[in-house]
Amino acid sequence: MNAYRKKLESFKAAIGPDFGNYNFAKMHNTLRSTPAMEAGVTDHAWSLEEIIGLIC
């Protein structure tokens, strides 16, 4: 079994929610906020429902 996606579209679809969770929902100990909040992109930590709503 291959450990990677063969098509770029499949790879983007599989990895997109992970990037969204890491940057918008997960609180980081060193920042004491999410990376998106620290960058000024958003003013709150997103729920997974909000991230999935953007994807679908």
C-alpha atoms as a PDB file:
ATOM      1  CA  MET A   1       0.000   0.000   0.000  1.00  0.00           C
ATOM      2  CA  ASN A   2       1.338   3.411  -0.937  1.00  0.00           C
ATOM      3  CA  ALA A   3       1.640   6.017   1.790  1.00  0.00           C
ATOM      4  CA  TYR A   4       0.874   8.972  -0.496  1.00  0.00           C
ATOM      5  CA  ARG A   5      -1.895  10.194  -2.766  1.00  0.00           C
ATOM      6  CA  LYS A   6      -1.310   9.741  -6.472  1.00  0.00           C
ATOM      7  CA  LYS A   7      -3.470  12.666  -7.600  1.00  0.00           C
ATOM      8  CA  LEU A   8      -2.920  16.201  -6.358  1.00  0.00           C
ATOM      9  CA  GLU A   9      -6.671  16.756  -5.948  1.00  0.00           C
ATOM     10  CA  SER A  10      -6.949  13.699  -3.688  1.00  0.00           C
ATOM     11  CA  PHE A  11      -3.993  14.864  -1.631  1.00  0.00           C
ATOM     12  CA  LYS A  12      -5.509  18.346  -1.154  1.00  0.00           C
ATOM     13  CA  ALA A  13      -8.854  16.861  -0.129  1.00  0.00           C
ATOM     14  CA  ALA A  14      -7.205  14.563   2.407  1.00  0.00           C
ATOM     15  CA  ILE A  15      -4.819  17.086   3.952  1.00  0.00           C
ATOM     16  CA  GLY A  16      -7.042  20.206   3.913  1.00  0.00           C
ATOM     17  CA  PRO A  17      -9.007  19.457   7.098  1.00  0.00           C
ATOM     18  CA  ASP A  18      -5.744  18.729   8.944  1.00  0.00           C
ATOM     19  CA  PHE A  19      -4.290  22.123   8.007  1.00  0.00           C
ATOM     20  CA  GLY A  20      -7.546  23.817   8.958  1.00  0.00           C
ATOM     21  CA  ASN A  21      -7.599  22.126  12.343  1.00  0.00           C
ATOM     22  CA  TYR A  22      -3.936  22.929  13.036  1.00  0.00           C
ATOM     23  CA  ASN A  23      -4.169  26.607  12.065  1.00  0.00           C
ATOM     24  CA  PHE A  24      -7.707  27.572  13.073  1.00  0.00           C
ATOM     25  CA  ALA A  25      -8.902  25.222  15.850  1.00  0.00           C
ATOM     26  CA  LYS A  26      -5.918  23.892  17.804  1.00  0.00           C
ATOM     27  CA  MET A  27      -4.685  26.062  20.669  1.00  0.00           C
ATOM     28  CA  HIS A  28      -0.875  26.088  20.798  1.00  0.00           C
ATOM     29  CA  ASN A  29       0.890  26.255  24.147  1.00  0.00           C
ATOM     30  CA  THR A  30       3.662  28.573  23.009  1.00  0.00           C
ATOM     31  CA  LEU A  31       1.285  31.065  21.363  1.00  0.00           C
ATOM     32  CA  ARG A  32      -1.586  30.608  23.846  1.00  0.00           C
ATOM     33  CA  SER A  33      -3.861  30.921  20.801  1.00  0.00           C
ATOM     34  CA  THR A  34      -4.250  29.460  17.331  1.00  0.00           C
ATOM     35  CA  PRO A  35      -1.799  30.460  14.589  1.00  0.00           C
ATOM     36  CA  ALA A  36      -4.653  32.110  12.657  1.00  0.00           C
ATOM     37  CA  MET A  37      -5.575  34.226  15.692  1.00  0.00           C
ATOM     38  CA  GLU A  38      -1.938  35.217  16.182  1.00  0.00           C
ATOM     39  CA  ALA A  39      -1.684  36.256  12.517  1.00  0.00           C
ATOM     40  CA  GLY A  40      -4.845  38.346  12.792  1.00  0.00           C
ATOM     41  CA  VAL A  41      -6.841  36.228  10.343  1.00  0.00           C
ATOM     42  CA  THR A  42      -9.601  35.442  12.840  1.00  0.00           C
ATOM     43  CA  ASP A  43     -10.662  36.561  16.294  1.00  0.00           C
ATOM     44  CA  HIS A  44     -11.730  33.185  17.728  1.00  0.00           C
ATOM     45  CA  ALA A  45     -10.780  29.512  17.694  1.00  0.00           C
ATOM     46  CA  TRP A  46     -12.931  27.741  15.133  1.00  0.00           C
ATOM     47  CA  SER A  47     -14.960  24.618  15.747  1.00  0.00           C
ATOM     48  CA  LEU A  48     -14.573  21.617  13.470  1.00  0.00           C
ATOM     49  CA  GLU A  49     -18.074  22.333  12.133  1.00  0.00           C
ATOM     50  CA  GLU A  50     -16.879  25.739  10.884  1.00  0.00           C
ATOM     51  CA  ILE A  51     -13.857  24.205   9.163  1.00  0.00           C
ATOM     52  CA  ILE A  52     -15.916  21.459   7.501  1.00  0.00           C
ATOM     53  CA  GLY A  53     -18.487  24.090   6.434  1.00  0.00           C
ATOM     54  CA  LEU A  54     -15.786  25.876   4.433  1.00  0.00           C
ATOM     55  CA  ILE A  55     -14.663  22.686   2.734  1.00  0.00           C
ATOM     56  CA  CYS A  56     -18.125  21.460   1.707  1.00  0.00           C
END
